[in-house]
Amino acid sequence: MSDPSNSVASAAGNGSESIYSAIADIVSAIAWPCVVLLVLFALRNEIHALLRSLSGRLRSGAAVKMGAFEVGAVNIDQIDLAGPGAEARLDDGRRAADRRDHYRKSRSLLLVHRIAKSRTEGQEFDILVYLIPQEGKGTLAAVSKVEYYFGSYWGDKIFSSAKRYAGFPVRLSAYGPTLCTAEVFFTDGQSVILHRFLDFEMGASAPMISDTDSGT
């Protein structure tokens, strides 16, 4: 004849083991998501930068490959460069007037840029932005300084350059194309804002930018 107290003790032991097992399962189920969330939180800046870089490359038409996933670059190899590649019509005078007005407002000064493979970790290209005069018309002697603005990714800061001998340059590193606005200040107190989209289209053939190129 069995002892009832032993049956009760056995049932209690089995019940405790079941509770402990259930608690362990719950803890295990919660632990892994918590670990994943902690890792994502710790790497949030790197992940954000990666996503922004990927987004910038996709928008600019650059090739992207991640494992089996691949997006090809914009391909212009099939375009016939011998001709204009578009239909043409005669200007009615408006476009010529607009062109002349642009040169007049900018005093025949042009905002240009060069790119090179970046020497900064995590960036795609180093970019050199500067002014050049239209040949035979503009002159940098009429400029006192240039102030550059690249947007929120550069902290909404305005970068000033007064190096006339180098074309009032500024150098930056970037992992995606961006719009640059440059306010050109003239020696007579006037100013004009010029625009330049800093694209990466020539990145495949870009050399390194030396310190002498940026006037340093």
C-alpha atoms as a PDB file:
ATOM      1  CA  MET A   1       0.000   0.000   0.000  1.00  0.00           C
ATOM      2  CA  SER A   2       1.519   3.322  -1.113  1.00  0.00           C
ATOM      3  CA  ASP A   3       2.113   6.222   1.175  1.00  0.00           C
ATOM      4  CA  PRO A   4      -0.193   9.149   0.264  1.00  0.00           C
ATOM      5  CA  SER A   5       2.421  11.623   1.451  1.00  0.00           C
ATOM      6  CA  ASN A   6       4.869  10.289  -1.168  1.00  0.00           C
ATOM      7  CA  SER A   7       2.291  10.785  -3.929  1.00  0.00           C
ATOM      8  CA  VAL A   8       1.662  14.349  -2.805  1.00  0.00           C
ATOM      9  CA  ALA A   9       5.397  15.081  -2.678  1.00  0.00           C
ATOM     10  CA  SER A  10       5.889  13.574  -6.139  1.00  0.00           C
ATOM     11  CA  ALA A  11       3.020  15.597  -7.565  1.00  0.00           C
ATOM     12  CA  ALA A  12       4.417  18.742  -5.954  1.00  0.00           C
ATOM     13  CA  GLY A  13       7.850  18.018  -7.394  1.00  0.00           C
ATOM     14  CA  ASN A  14       6.463  17.473 -10.876  1.00  0.00           C
ATOM     15  CA  GLY A  15       4.460  20.654 -10.563  1.00  0.00           C
ATOM     16  CA  SER A  16       7.541  22.643  -9.552  1.00  0.00           C
ATOM     17  CA  GLU A  17       9.522  21.222 -12.450  1.00  0.00           C
ATOM     18  CA  SER A  18       6.717  22.171 -14.842  1.00  0.00           C
ATOM     19  CA  ILE A  19       6.662  25.717 -13.488  1.00  0.00           C
ATOM     20  CA  TYR A  20      10.442  26.024 -13.723  1.00  0.00           C
ATOM     21  CA  SER A  21      10.368  24.646 -17.261  1.00  0.00           C
ATOM     22  CA  ALA A  22       7.643  27.094 -18.272  1.00  0.00           C
ATOM     23  CA  ILE A  23       9.566  29.991 -16.740  1.00  0.00           C
ATOM     24  CA  ALA A  24      12.733  28.885 -18.558  1.00  0.00           C
ATOM     25  CA  ASP A  25      10.839  28.746 -21.847  1.00  0.00           C
ATOM     26  CA  ILE A  26       9.441  32.225 -21.278  1.00  0.00           C
ATOM     27  CA  VAL A  27      12.849  33.640 -20.344  1.00  0.00           C
ATOM     28  CA  SER A  28      14.417  31.994 -23.404  1.00  0.00           C
ATOM     29  CA  ALA A  29      11.688  33.366 -25.638  1.00  0.00           C
ATOM     30  CA  ILE A  30      12.187  36.868 -24.271  1.00  0.00           C
ATOM     31  CA  ALA A  31      15.995  36.795 -24.076  1.00  0.00           C
ATOM     32  CA  TRP A  32      16.778  36.493 -27.787  1.00  0.00           C
ATOM     33  CA  PRO A  33      14.566  39.401 -28.901  1.00  0.00           C
ATOM     34  CA  CYS A  34      16.099  41.469 -26.099  1.00  0.00           C
ATOM     35  CA  VAL A  35      19.612  40.578 -27.267  1.00  0.00           C
ATOM     36  CA  VAL A  36      18.698  41.491 -30.855  1.00  0.00           C
ATOM     37  CA  LEU A  37      17.185  44.797 -29.722  1.00  0.00           C
ATOM     38  CA  LEU A  38      20.274  45.602 -27.640  1.00  0.00           C
ATOM     39  CA  VAL A  39      22.578  44.885 -30.594  1.00  0.00           C
ATOM     40  CA  LEU A  40      20.440  47.016 -32.921  1.00  0.00           C
ATOM     41  CA  PHE A  41      20.435  49.818 -30.360  1.00  0.00           C
ATOM     42  CA  ALA A  42      24.216  49.640 -29.910  1.00  0.00           C
ATOM     43  CA  LEU A  43      24.766  49.724 -33.689  1.00  0.00           C
ATOM     44  CA  ARG A  44      22.000  52.210 -34.463  1.00  0.00           C
ATOM     45  CA  ASN A  45      24.362  54.889 -35.797  1.00  0.00           C
ATOM     46  CA  GLU A  46      26.222  52.464 -38.055  1.00  0.00           C
ATOM     47  CA  ILE A  47      22.959  50.945 -39.343  1.00  0.00           C
ATOM     48  CA  HIS A  48      21.513  54.395 -40.003  1.00  0.00           C
ATOM     49  CA  ALA A  49      24.645  55.424 -41.906  1.00  0.00           C
ATOM     50  CA  LEU A  50      24.558  52.189 -43.927  1.00  0.00           C
ATOM     51  CA  LEU A  51      20.913  52.691 -44.879  1.00  0.00           C
ATOM     52  CA  ARG A  52      21.544  56.307 -45.858  1.00  0.00           C
ATOM     53  CA  SER A  53      24.532  55.266 -47.943  1.00  0.00           C
ATOM     54  CA  LEU A  54      22.527  52.517 -49.635  1.00  0.00           C
ATOM     55  CA  SER A  55      19.676  54.940 -50.295  1.00  0.00           C
ATOM     56  CA  GLY A  56      22.069  57.497 -51.749  1.00  0.00           C
ATOM     57  CA  ARG A  57      23.691  54.934 -54.050  1.00  0.00           C
ATOM     58  CA  LEU A  58      20.317  53.729 -55.299  1.00  0.00           C
ATOM     59  CA  ARG A  59      19.127  57.282 -55.956  1.00  0.00           C
ATOM     60  CA  SER A  60      22.319  58.140 -57.823  1.00  0.00           C
ATOM     61  CA  GLY A  61      22.101  55.046 -60.031  1.00  0.00           C
ATOM     62  CA  ALA A  62      25.214  53.347 -58.629  1.00  0.00           C
ATOM     63  CA  ALA A  63      25.517  49.562 -58.533  1.00  0.00           C
ATOM     64  CA  VAL A  64      24.647  47.874 -55.234  1.00  0.00           C
ATOM     65  CA  LYS A  65      25.414  44.227 -54.370  1.00  0.00           C
ATOM     66  CA  MET A  66      24.683  42.529 -51.048  1.00  0.00           C
ATOM     67  CA  GLY A  67      25.003  38.755 -51.213  1.00  0.00           C
ATOM     68  CA  ALA A  68      22.562  37.428 -53.792  1.00  0.00           C
ATOM     69  CA  PHE A  69      20.830  40.831 -53.991  1.00  0.00           C
ATOM     70  CA  GLU A  70      22.146  43.108 -56.725  1.00  0.00           C
ATOM     71  CA  VAL A  71      20.944  46.318 -58.362  1.00  0.00           C
ATOM     72  CA  GLY A  72      22.820  47.283 -61.514  1.00  0.00           C
ATOM     73  CA  ALA A  73      24.166  50.765 -62.129  1.00  0.00           C
ATOM     74  CA  VAL A  74      22.652  53.151 -64.634  1.00  0.00           C
ATOM     75  CA  ASN A  75      24.134  51.971 -67.934  1.00  0.00           C
ATOM     76  CA  ILE A  76      24.987  54.566 -70.584  1.00  0.00           C
ATOM     77  CA  ASP A  77      27.252  52.277 -72.611  1.00  0.00           C
ATOM     78  CA  GLN A  78      24.504  51.692 -75.173  1.00  0.00           C
ATOM     79  CA  ILE A  79      23.986  55.406 -75.841  1.00  0.00           C
ATOM     80  CA  ASP A  80      25.344  56.650 -79.171  1.00  0.00           C
ATOM     81  CA  LEU A  81      27.622  59.518 -78.184  1.00  0.00           C
ATOM     82  CA  ALA A  82      28.207  60.482 -81.828  1.00  0.00           C
ATOM     83  CA  GLY A  83      24.904  62.383 -81.930  1.00  0.00           C
ATOM     84  CA  PRO A  84      22.932  64.538 -79.477  1.00  0.00           C
ATOM     85  CA  GLY A  85      20.621  61.608 -78.665  1.00  0.00           C
ATOM     86  CA  ALA A  86      17.497  63.780 -78.542  1.00  0.00           C
ATOM     87  CA  GLU A  87      15.184  65.622 -80.861  1.00  0.00           C
ATOM     88  CA  ALA A  88      16.019  69.288 -81.425  1.00  0.00           C
ATOM     89  CA  ARG A  89      14.045  72.421 -82.198  1.00  0.00           C
ATOM     90  CA  LEU A  90      15.058  76.027 -82.749  1.00  0.00           C
ATOM     91  CA  ASP A  91      15.134  78.269 -79.680  1.00  0.00           C
ATOM     92  CA  ASP A  92      12.633  81.126 -79.786  1.00  0.00           C
ATOM     93  CA  GLY A  93      15.033  83.381 -77.891  1.00  0.00           C
ATOM     94  CA  ARG A  94      13.887  82.605 -74.351  1.00  0.00           C
ATOM     95  CA  ARG A  95      16.591  80.041 -73.630  1.00  0.00           C
ATOM     96  CA  ALA A  96      19.361  82.253 -74.996  1.00  0.00           C
ATOM     97  CA  ALA A  97      18.078  85.147 -72.853  1.00  0.00           C
ATOM     98  CA  ASP A  98      17.984  82.898 -69.786  1.00  0.00           C
ATOM     99  CA  ARG A  99      21.570  81.814 -70.447  1.00  0.00           C
ATOM    100  CA  ARG A 100      22.767  85.400 -70.776  1.00  0.00           C
ATOM    101  CA  ASP A 101      20.906  86.347 -67.600  1.00  0.00           C
ATOM    102  CA  HIS A 102      22.605  83.528 -65.703  1.00  0.00           C
ATOM    103  CA  TYR A 103      26.056  84.727 -66.760  1.00  0.00           C
ATOM    104  CA  ARG A 104      25.119  88.323 -65.929  1.00  0.00           C
ATOM    105  CA  LYS A 105      23.936  87.508 -62.391  1.00  0.00           C
ATOM    106  CA  SER A 106      26.918  85.267 -61.655  1.00  0.00           C
ATOM    107  CA  ARG A 107      29.324  87.759 -63.300  1.00  0.00           C
ATOM    108  CA  SER A 108      30.531  84.893 -65.478  1.00  0.00           C
ATOM    109  CA  LEU A 109      31.672  82.822 -62.480  1.00  0.00           C
ATOM    110  CA  LEU A 110      30.912  79.103 -62.405  1.00  0.00           C
ATOM    111  CA  LEU A 111      30.686  76.667 -59.500  1.00  0.00           C
ATOM    112  CA  VAL A 112      32.391  73.354 -60.307  1.00  0.00           C
ATOM    113  CA  HIS A 113      33.535  70.259 -58.439  1.00  0.00           C
ATOM    114  CA  ARG A 114      35.899  67.312 -58.605  1.00  0.00           C
ATOM    115  CA  ILE A 115      35.625  63.980 -56.812  1.00  0.00           C
ATOM    116  CA  ALA A 116      38.090  61.314 -55.722  1.00  0.00           C
ATOM    117  CA  LYS A 117      37.952  58.042 -53.823  1.00  0.00           C
ATOM    118  CA  SER A 118      37.684  59.072 -50.200  1.00  0.00           C
ATOM    119  CA  ARG A 119      40.545  58.778 -47.753  1.00  0.00           C
ATOM    120  CA  THR A 120      38.012  58.956 -44.906  1.00  0.00           C
ATOM    121  CA  GLU A 121      36.702  55.653 -43.543  1.00  0.00           C
ATOM    122  CA  GLY A 122      32.999  55.155 -44.182  1.00  0.00           C
ATOM    123  CA  GLN A 123      32.797  57.753 -46.970  1.00  0.00           C
ATOM    124  CA  GLU A 124      32.524  57.149 -50.726  1.00  0.00           C
ATOM    125  CA  PHE A 125      34.269  60.199 -52.166  1.00  0.00           C
ATOM    126  CA  ASP A 126      36.217  63.319 -51.262  1.00  0.00           C
ATOM    127  CA  ILE A 127      34.753  66.333 -53.051  1.00  0.00           C
ATOM    128  CA  LEU A 128      36.527  69.560 -53.969  1.00  0.00           C
ATOM    129  CA  VAL A 129      34.168  72.460 -54.764  1.00  0.00           C
ATOM    130  CA  TYR A 130      35.478  75.746 -56.150  1.00  0.00           C
ATOM    131  CA  LEU A 131      34.898  78.679 -58.508  1.00  0.00           C
ATOM    132  CA  ILE A 132      36.244  79.204 -62.002  1.00  0.00           C
ATOM    133  CA  PRO A 133      35.712  82.241 -64.258  1.00  0.00           C
ATOM    134  CA  GLN A 134      34.195  81.940 -67.720  1.00  0.00           C
ATOM    135  CA  GLU A 135      37.131  82.146 -70.105  1.00  0.00           C
ATOM    136  CA  GLY A 136      37.775  85.682 -71.271  1.00  0.00           C
ATOM    137  CA  LYS A 137      34.948  87.204 -69.209  1.00  0.00           C
ATOM    138  CA  GLY A 138      34.786  86.488 -65.482  1.00  0.00           C
ATOM    139  CA  THR A 139      37.475  87.181 -62.903  1.00  0.00           C
ATOM    140  CA  LEU A 140      38.074  85.973 -59.358  1.00  0.00           C
ATOM    141  CA  ALA A 141      39.615  89.338 -58.513  1.00  0.00           C
ATOM    142  CA  ALA A 142      36.083  90.673 -58.003  1.00  0.00           C
ATOM    143  CA  VAL A 143      35.333  88.060 -55.296  1.00  0.00           C
ATOM    144  CA  SER A 144      36.148  88.526 -51.604  1.00  0.00           C
ATOM    145  CA  LYS A 145      34.902  85.173 -50.245  1.00  0.00           C
ATOM    146  CA  VAL A 146      32.542  82.253 -50.894  1.00  0.00           C
ATOM    147  CA  GLU A 147      30.258  80.637 -48.306  1.00  0.00           C
ATOM    148  CA  TYR A 148      29.154  77.038 -48.926  1.00  0.00           C
ATOM    149  CA  TYR A 149      26.115  75.234 -47.557  1.00  0.00           C
ATOM    150  CA  PHE A 150      25.534  71.464 -47.948  1.00  0.00           C
ATOM    151  CA  GLY A 151      22.443  70.841 -45.817  1.00  0.00           C
ATOM    152  CA  SER A 152      21.493  69.057 -42.613  1.00  0.00           C
ATOM    153  CA  TYR A 153      23.901  66.121 -43.026  1.00  0.00           C
ATOM    154  CA  TRP A 154      26.694  68.631 -42.473  1.00  0.00           C
ATOM    155  CA  GLY A 155      25.032  70.058 -39.387  1.00  0.00           C
ATOM    156  CA  ASP A 156      23.457  72.990 -41.271  1.00  0.00           C
ATOM    157  CA  LYS A 157      26.856  74.689 -41.077  1.00  0.00           C
ATOM    158  CA  ILE A 158      28.084  77.325 -43.529  1.00  0.00           C
ATOM    159  CA  PHE A 159      31.696  76.872 -44.641  1.00  0.00           C
ATOM    160  CA  SER A 160      33.606  79.982 -45.709  1.00  0.00           C
ATOM    161  CA  SER A 161      36.609  80.169 -48.040  1.00  0.00           C
ATOM    162  CA  ALA A 162      38.728  83.220 -48.850  1.00  0.00           C
ATOM    163  CA  LYS A 163      41.537  81.526 -50.820  1.00  0.00           C
ATOM    164  CA  ARG A 164      41.241  83.420 -54.088  1.00  0.00           C
ATOM    165  CA  TYR A 165      44.426  81.896 -55.530  1.00  0.00           C
ATOM    166  CA  ALA A 166      42.846  78.402 -55.367  1.00  0.00           C
ATOM    167  CA  GLY A 167      39.359  79.356 -56.564  1.00  0.00           C
ATOM    168  CA  PHE A 168      37.847  79.744 -53.074  1.00  0.00           C
ATOM    169  CA  PRO A 169      37.775  75.948 -52.538  1.00  0.00           C
ATOM    170  CA  VAL A 170      36.199  73.785 -49.881  1.00  0.00           C
ATOM    171  CA  ARG A 171      36.783  70.055 -49.460  1.00  0.00           C
ATOM    172  CA  LEU A 172      34.384  67.567 -47.907  1.00  0.00           C
ATOM    173  CA  SER A 173      33.820  63.822 -47.678  1.00  0.00           C
ATOM    174  CA  ALA A 174      30.475  62.234 -48.523  1.00  0.00           C
ATOM    175  CA  TYR A 175      28.833  58.820 -48.987  1.00  0.00           C
ATOM    176  CA  GLY A 176      26.055  60.183 -51.212  1.00  0.00           C
ATOM    177  CA  PRO A 177      25.461  63.001 -53.717  1.00  0.00           C
ATOM    178  CA  THR A 178      24.172  66.312 -52.378  1.00  0.00           C
ATOM    179  CA  LEU A 179      23.159  69.780 -53.499  1.00  0.00           C
ATOM    180  CA  CYS A 180      25.628  72.573 -52.778  1.00  0.00           C
ATOM    181  CA  THR A 181      24.618  76.221 -52.589  1.00  0.00           C
ATOM    182  CA  ALA A 182      27.399  78.788 -52.598  1.00  0.00           C
ATOM    183  CA  GLU A 183      26.985  82.464 -51.840  1.00  0.00           C
ATOM    184  CA  VAL A 184      29.615  84.435 -53.719  1.00  0.00           C
ATOM    185  CA  PHE A 185      30.487  87.761 -52.098  1.00  0.00           C
ATOM    186  CA  PHE A 186      31.887  90.435 -54.403  1.00  0.00           C
ATOM    187  CA  THR A 187      34.276  93.201 -53.418  1.00  0.00           C
ATOM    188  CA  ASP A 188      31.619  95.843 -54.197  1.00  0.00           C
ATOM    189  CA  GLY A 189      29.333  94.482 -51.450  1.00  0.00           C
ATOM    190  CA  GLN A 190      26.983  92.517 -53.728  1.00  0.00           C
ATOM    191  CA  SER A 191      26.483  88.743 -53.644  1.00  0.00           C
ATOM    192  CA  VAL A 192      24.891  85.950 -55.660  1.00  0.00           C
ATOM    193  CA  ILE A 193      23.985  82.356 -54.803  1.00  0.00           C
ATOM    194  CA  LEU A 194      25.163  79.634 -57.189  1.00  0.00           C
ATOM    195  CA  HIS A 195      24.063  75.985 -57.172  1.00  0.00           C
ATOM    196  CA  ARG A 196      25.893  72.780 -57.965  1.00  0.00           C
ATOM    197  CA  PHE A 197      24.696  69.194 -57.614  1.00  0.00           C
ATOM    198  CA  LEU A 198      27.677  67.220 -56.285  1.00  0.00           C
ATOM    199  CA  ASP A 199      27.128  63.962 -58.153  1.00  0.00           C
ATOM    200  CA  PHE A 200      29.281  60.818 -58.252  1.00  0.00           C
ATOM    201  CA  GLU A 201      28.870  60.099 -61.971  1.00  0.00           C
ATOM    202  CA  MET A 202      32.609  60.352 -62.714  1.00  0.00           C
ATOM    203  CA  GLY A 203      33.621  58.413 -59.613  1.00  0.00           C
ATOM    204  CA  ALA A 204      34.991  55.410 -61.508  1.00  0.00           C
ATOM    205  CA  SER A 205      37.760  57.539 -63.036  1.00  0.00           C
ATOM    206  CA  ALA A 206      38.402  59.856 -60.088  1.00  0.00           C
ATOM    207  CA  PRO A 207      41.992  60.146 -58.765  1.00  0.00           C
ATOM    208  CA  MET A 208      42.938  61.072 -55.246  1.00  0.00           C
ATOM    209  CA  ILE A 209      42.579  64.762 -54.311  1.00  0.00           C
ATOM    210  CA  SER A 210      45.841  66.114 -52.942  1.00  0.00           C
ATOM    211  CA  ASP A 211      46.160  68.780 -50.279  1.00  0.00           C
ATOM    212  CA  THR A 212      47.650  71.188 -52.829  1.00  0.00           C
ATOM    213  CA  ASP A 213      44.487  70.915 -54.935  1.00  0.00           C
ATOM    214  CA  SER A 214      42.427  72.360 -52.088  1.00  0.00           C
ATOM    215  CA  GLY A 215      44.871  75.154 -51.405  1.00  0.00           C
ATOM    216  CA  THR A 216      46.274  73.748 -48.165  1.00  0.00           C
END
